[in-house]
Structure formats: C-alpha cells, structure tokens
Amino acid sequence: MHRHVPEWHSFALHKPHLKPDKIIEDEATNYPTEFLNSLDVPGTPPHNLQLKVGSVIIMLPNLNHPRLCNGTRLSVMKLMNNVIQATIIKVLLYGAECWTVVQSDAAALGVFERKILRKIFGPICVGDAYRIRWNHELYELYGDVDVVSRVKIHRLRWLGHIARMEEDTPARKVFDAVIVGKRRRGRPRMRWQDQVMEALSTSGAANWRRRAQDRDAWRQIVQQAVTRQGL
C-alpha cells in the first residue's frame, strides 16, 4: 500500500506520452528520427504511448527504494507534460465491488490499513521521544478516503456497469431477481444491494438507473461520492 492522491474525473484526461527519440550522433549511429520511432523493441513501450486516467502501468526503473519494487503495478491518477502521477493498485481490494462489508469487516480493514500507513509514514518525534502516529494524523498525511469508503466507491462503479448491462446478462438477472419464499427467524442478513443503495442515497443521486446509462454522468456521481463526508 502506498500513499494515494484524491481521484478526479477519469474521462477528462487522455493524452499521449512520447519516449525520447534522440541519440548521440556519431558516424556509427546516425539514424533518421522516423526510423527510431518506428522500432518495436520487445519489453519497451511504443514511441507514441496513449495513456488516460485509470490506465494500468508497470514501473520499471525504481527511484524510491525500498518502498517501491521494480514491476509494481500502478494506476494513472493524473497526466502532466513530463510527469505521470500514479497510485499503487492495492491487492487488498481485488473483487471489492462484490463485497458485503459488515461492521466487524470494516473494523478489521481499518486496522489493517492503519498498520500499513504507520509502516509507510513511520513514527513522529515529539520532544526527545518518538511515538506512533495517531489515526487522524495518518489520514491527514494519507490525503484520501479510508479503505472502507473506497470499497463503497468501487461498489457504486460496479452498480453503474450492472445498470448498463443487457437484461439477459447473468449479473443483471441476479441484481433484478426477487427471491420468493420464507426467510428464517431473526434479523435478515445485510445484502450487497442494501449497502450499495445506502451509499447511493448518501451521494444524493436520484433516478440512478437512468443516469447510469450515461457513463460520464455516472462518473460524476461517483466523484461526488468521493468528496462527500460520511460515505
């Protein structure tokens, strides 16, 4: 896990990044620029590399030992002229779109996240002694939503995908299915649909099925959910 930057609209940025096309000129290596740009060397990116926010990239030269390792998978967060701002793809959240997180699960995820953040940021010096960072100090340095809120955001994104699926798609059938029968005694278990609808109501989105048909509008809804407190 690594420090994140807040997410923003992934549909607004899409720009190429060009690798260097100049070499030291001498008698042995005097090739035209067009020829160099046309080379397709295995294991290296093409000359005209099209990237957008959300693209998955792999870090090759590591400049931040020992926190990052060669081959780390990153997700593009922001594209600038000479800098690509990216965040590490967390293995912890693989498949989080389908999770039903109860209170005990949320507590365990929070403990794990803060443990990793304390490893990354290290202790703080107060006077002549060092102490571990408190929870609010960690999240101030982290600068992003906590892991439980991130799970809720992933579920909202998946909800938009389900709403755009065809009616005969298995995932759409399961979502729209109505279970008939008698439930057992006691409090009913928390369902995925109950939790995602609760997060949707928190984001203030009305007519979500209609708005989910527009990908750009749904991204805005998810972005609003990121900026709202208490998601």
Protein backbone atom coordinates (compact mmCIF):
# COMPACT_ATOMS: atom_id res chain seq x y z
CA MET A 1 0.00 0.00 0.00
CA HIS A 2 1.23 3.47 -0.78
CA ARG A 3 0.09 6.99 -0.33
CA HIS A 4 -2.72 7.98 -2.65
CA VAL A 5 -3.84 11.21 -4.20
CA PRO A 6 -7.57 12.04 -4.45
CA GLU A 7 -9.30 10.73 -7.53
CA TRP A 8 -10.78 13.02 -10.18
CA HIS A 9 -12.63 12.71 -13.46
CA SER A 10 -11.03 9.90 -15.42
CA PHE A 11 -12.91 10.86 -18.60
CA ALA A 12 -11.41 14.34 -18.89
CA LEU A 13 -7.77 13.39 -19.43
CA HIS A 14 -6.39 11.47 -22.36
CA LYS A 15 -3.05 12.47 -23.79
CA PRO A 16 -0.02 10.80 -25.40
CA HIS A 17 3.38 10.45 -23.78
CA LEU A 18 6.34 10.19 -26.16
CA LYS A 19 9.55 8.42 -25.32
CA PRO A 20 12.90 10.08 -26.24
CA ASP A 21 13.72 9.86 -29.93
CA LYS A 22 17.19 11.43 -29.96
CA ILE A 23 20.52 9.64 -29.65
CA ILE A 24 24.10 10.74 -29.58
CA GLU A 25 25.05 11.42 -33.17
CA ASP A 26 28.24 9.87 -34.47
CA GLU A 27 29.26 8.05 -37.57
CA ALA A 28 28.02 4.67 -36.30
CA THR A 29 24.60 5.73 -35.04
CA ASN A 30 23.18 8.28 -37.43
CA TYR A 31 19.62 7.02 -37.96
CA PRO A 32 16.59 9.10 -39.02
CA THR A 33 14.15 10.01 -36.27
CA GLU A 34 11.28 8.37 -38.15
CA PHE A 35 13.16 5.08 -38.20
CA LEU A 36 13.83 5.20 -34.45
CA ASN A 37 10.18 5.95 -33.73
CA SER A 38 9.03 3.01 -35.85
CA LEU A 39 11.07 0.44 -33.90
CA ASP A 40 9.07 -2.02 -31.80
CA VAL A 41 11.53 -3.42 -29.27
CA PRO A 42 10.14 -6.22 -27.04
CA GLY A 43 9.83 -5.17 -23.42
CA THR A 44 9.76 -1.44 -24.15
CA PRO A 45 6.74 0.85 -24.71
CA PRO A 46 5.97 2.21 -28.18
CA HIS A 47 7.06 5.71 -29.17
CA ASN A 48 3.52 7.08 -29.12
CA LEU A 49 2.09 5.73 -25.85
CA GLN A 50 -1.57 6.63 -25.38
CA LEU A 51 -2.45 6.94 -21.69
CA LYS A 52 -5.53 8.11 -19.83
CA VAL A 53 -6.53 8.38 -16.20
CA GLY A 54 -7.21 4.90 -14.88
CA SER A 55 -4.76 3.12 -17.21
CA VAL A 56 -2.64 0.40 -15.64
CA ILE A 57 1.13 0.81 -15.97
CA ILE A 58 4.15 -1.08 -14.60
CA MET A 59 7.07 0.73 -13.01
CA LEU A 60 10.41 -0.36 -14.48
CA PRO A 61 13.17 1.95 -13.14
CA ASN A 62 12.73 2.24 -9.39
CA LEU A 63 13.74 5.61 -7.92
CA ASN A 64 12.19 5.14 -4.48
CA HIS A 65 13.87 2.24 -2.70
CA PRO A 66 12.83 0.37 -0.62
CA ARG A 67 9.17 1.43 -0.64
CA LEU A 68 8.58 0.50 -4.28
CA CYS A 69 9.76 -2.55 -6.19
CA ASN A 70 10.50 -2.99 -9.87
CA GLY A 71 7.42 -4.28 -11.65
CA THR A 72 4.95 -2.60 -9.29
CA ARG A 73 1.54 -2.21 -10.94
CA LEU A 74 0.27 1.37 -10.84
CA SER A 75 -2.93 3.12 -11.85
CA VAL A 76 -2.63 6.52 -13.56
CA MET A 77 -4.20 9.30 -11.47
CA LYS A 78 -3.04 12.45 -13.29
CA LEU A 79 -1.23 13.20 -16.55
CA MET A 80 1.14 16.15 -16.85
CA ASN A 81 3.62 17.17 -19.53
CA ASN A 82 6.65 15.40 -18.04
CA VAL A 83 5.21 13.62 -15.02
CA ILE A 84 2.73 10.76 -14.60
CA GLN A 85 1.11 10.73 -11.17
CA ALA A 86 0.01 7.21 -10.25
CA THR A 87 -1.03 5.13 -7.28
CA ILE A 88 -0.28 1.54 -6.41
CA ILE A 89 -3.06 -0.92 -7.24
CA LYS A 90 -4.00 -2.46 -3.93
CA VAL A 91 -4.28 -6.25 -3.91
CA LEU A 92 -6.38 -5.82 -0.79
CA LEU A 93 -9.34 -4.51 -2.81
CA TYR A 94 -9.43 -7.12 -5.58
CA GLY A 95 -13.07 -8.06 -6.02
CA ALA A 96 -14.22 -5.39 -3.56
CA GLU A 97 -17.05 -4.43 -5.92
CA CYS A 98 -18.96 -7.51 -4.76
CA TRP A 99 -18.21 -7.33 -1.05
CA THR A 100 -20.85 -7.07 1.66
CA VAL A 101 -18.97 -5.36 4.50
CA VAL A 102 -20.42 -5.73 7.99
CA GLN A 103 -19.22 -3.74 10.99
CA SER A 104 -16.62 -6.30 12.04
CA ASP A 105 -15.23 -6.44 8.49
CA ALA A 106 -14.96 -2.65 8.36
CA ALA A 107 -13.11 -2.58 11.68
CA ALA A 108 -10.63 -5.24 10.53
CA LEU A 109 -10.00 -3.42 7.24
CA GLY A 110 -9.41 -0.16 9.10
CA VAL A 111 -6.92 -1.75 11.48
CA PHE A 112 -5.01 -3.31 8.59
CA GLU A 113 -4.93 -0.05 6.63
CA ARG A 114 -3.63 1.98 9.57
CA LYS A 115 -0.98 -0.66 10.28
CA ILE A 116 0.35 -0.30 6.73
CA LEU A 117 0.18 3.50 6.86
CA ARG A 118 2.22 3.53 10.07
CA LYS A 119 4.83 1.40 8.32
CA ILE A 120 4.96 3.86 5.41
CA PHE A 121 4.96 7.16 7.32
CA GLY A 122 6.94 5.95 10.33
CA PRO A 123 6.87 7.38 13.87
CA ILE A 124 6.78 11.06 14.79
CA CYS A 125 9.28 12.83 17.03
CA VAL A 126 7.74 14.75 19.91
CA GLY A 127 10.36 16.47 22.00
CA ASP A 128 13.10 13.92 22.65
CA ALA A 129 10.97 10.82 22.12
CA TYR A 130 9.35 9.07 19.19
CA ARG A 131 5.78 7.80 19.18
CA ILE A 132 3.47 6.15 16.69
CA ARG A 133 1.17 8.43 14.72
CA TRP A 134 -2.41 8.73 15.83
CA ASN A 135 -5.22 7.77 13.47
CA HIS A 136 -6.18 11.31 12.46
CA GLU A 137 -2.50 12.14 11.81
CA LEU A 138 -2.21 9.16 9.49
CA TYR A 139 -5.22 10.12 7.41
CA GLU A 140 -4.10 13.76 7.21
CA LEU A 141 -0.86 12.56 5.64
CA TYR A 142 -2.66 9.97 3.56
CA GLY A 143 -4.87 12.61 1.95
CA ASP A 144 -7.50 10.19 0.65
CA VAL A 145 -10.62 8.34 1.80
CA ASP A 146 -10.19 5.30 4.02
CA VAL A 147 -10.33 1.74 2.72
CA VAL A 148 -13.97 1.15 3.73
CA SER A 149 -15.10 4.23 1.80
CA ARG A 150 -13.01 3.03 -1.13
CA VAL A 151 -14.93 -0.26 -1.11
CA LYS A 152 -18.21 1.68 -1.25
CA ILE A 153 -16.94 3.70 -4.20
CA HIS A 154 -15.95 0.53 -6.06
CA ARG A 155 -19.43 -0.87 -5.48
CA LEU A 156 -21.01 2.29 -6.92
CA ARG A 157 -18.89 1.92 -10.05
CA TRP A 158 -19.95 -1.70 -10.40
CA LEU A 159 -23.58 -0.70 -9.93
CA GLY A 160 -23.27 1.57 -12.95
CA HIS A 161 -21.88 -1.31 -15.01
CA ILE A 162 -24.79 -3.53 -13.96
CA ALA A 163 -27.35 -0.88 -14.89
CA ARG A 164 -25.87 -0.68 -18.41
CA MET A 165 -25.87 -4.44 -18.95
CA GLU A 166 -28.41 -6.20 -21.12
CA GLU A 167 -31.40 -7.65 -19.26
CA ASP A 168 -30.37 -11.24 -20.10
CA THR A 169 -26.88 -10.82 -18.65
CA PRO A 170 -26.36 -13.13 -15.61
CA ALA A 171 -25.21 -10.29 -13.34
CA ARG A 172 -28.23 -8.19 -14.32
CA LYS A 173 -30.60 -11.12 -13.72
CA VAL A 174 -29.20 -11.68 -10.24
CA PHE A 175 -29.47 -7.99 -9.39
CA ASP A 176 -33.09 -7.70 -10.53
CA ALA A 177 -34.19 -11.09 -9.16
CA VAL A 178 -36.86 -11.25 -6.48
CA ILE A 179 -36.44 -14.17 -4.09
CA VAL A 180 -39.75 -15.81 -3.21
CA GLY A 181 -40.13 -17.81 -0.02
CA LYS A 182 -39.97 -17.63 3.75
CA ARG A 183 -36.85 -16.40 5.50
CA ARG A 184 -35.66 -17.83 8.74
CA ARG A 185 -36.36 -16.20 12.07
CA GLY A 186 -34.24 -13.29 13.23
CA ARG A 187 -32.76 -10.22 11.67
CA PRO A 188 -32.18 -10.62 7.90
CA ARG A 189 -28.61 -10.57 6.73
CA MET A 190 -27.24 -7.41 5.20
CA ARG A 191 -27.30 -7.71 1.42
CA TRP A 192 -24.97 -6.17 -1.16
CA GLN A 193 -27.90 -4.36 -2.71
CA ASP A 194 -28.91 -2.85 0.64
CA GLN A 195 -25.46 -1.44 1.24
CA VAL A 196 -24.97 -0.07 -2.24
CA MET A 197 -28.36 1.65 -2.15
CA GLU A 198 -27.46 3.21 1.19
CA ALA A 199 -24.24 4.59 -0.30
CA LEU A 200 -26.18 5.80 -3.33
CA SER A 201 -28.64 7.72 -1.14
CA THR A 202 -25.69 9.29 0.70
CA SER A 203 -24.30 10.59 -2.59
CA GLY A 204 -27.64 12.31 -3.31
CA ALA A 205 -28.21 10.69 -6.72
CA ALA A 206 -31.83 10.50 -7.91
CA ASN A 207 -33.09 8.38 -10.84
CA TRP A 208 -29.86 6.40 -10.72
CA ARG A 209 -30.91 3.81 -13.31
CA ARG A 210 -31.46 6.47 -15.94
CA ARG A 211 -28.34 8.42 -15.05
CA ALA A 212 -26.21 5.28 -15.05
CA GLN A 213 -26.83 4.88 -18.78
CA ASP A 214 -24.56 7.89 -19.33
CA ARG A 215 -21.04 6.89 -18.35
CA ASP A 216 -19.84 10.46 -17.92
CA ALA A 217 -22.80 11.38 -15.70
CA TRP A 218 -22.22 8.27 -13.58
CA ARG A 219 -18.54 9.12 -13.16
CA GLN A 220 -19.62 12.50 -11.84
CA ILE A 221 -21.91 10.79 -9.34
CA VAL A 222 -19.05 8.58 -8.16
CA GLN A 223 -16.77 11.62 -7.94
CA GLN A 224 -19.35 13.42 -5.82
CA ALA A 225 -19.46 10.38 -3.57
CA VAL A 226 -15.68 10.63 -3.11
CA THR A 227 -15.87 14.26 -1.97
CA ARG A 228 -18.83 13.78 0.37
CA GLN A 229 -18.13 13.08 4.01
CA GLY A 230 -19.55 10.01 5.69
CA LEU A 231 -19.67 7.78 2.60
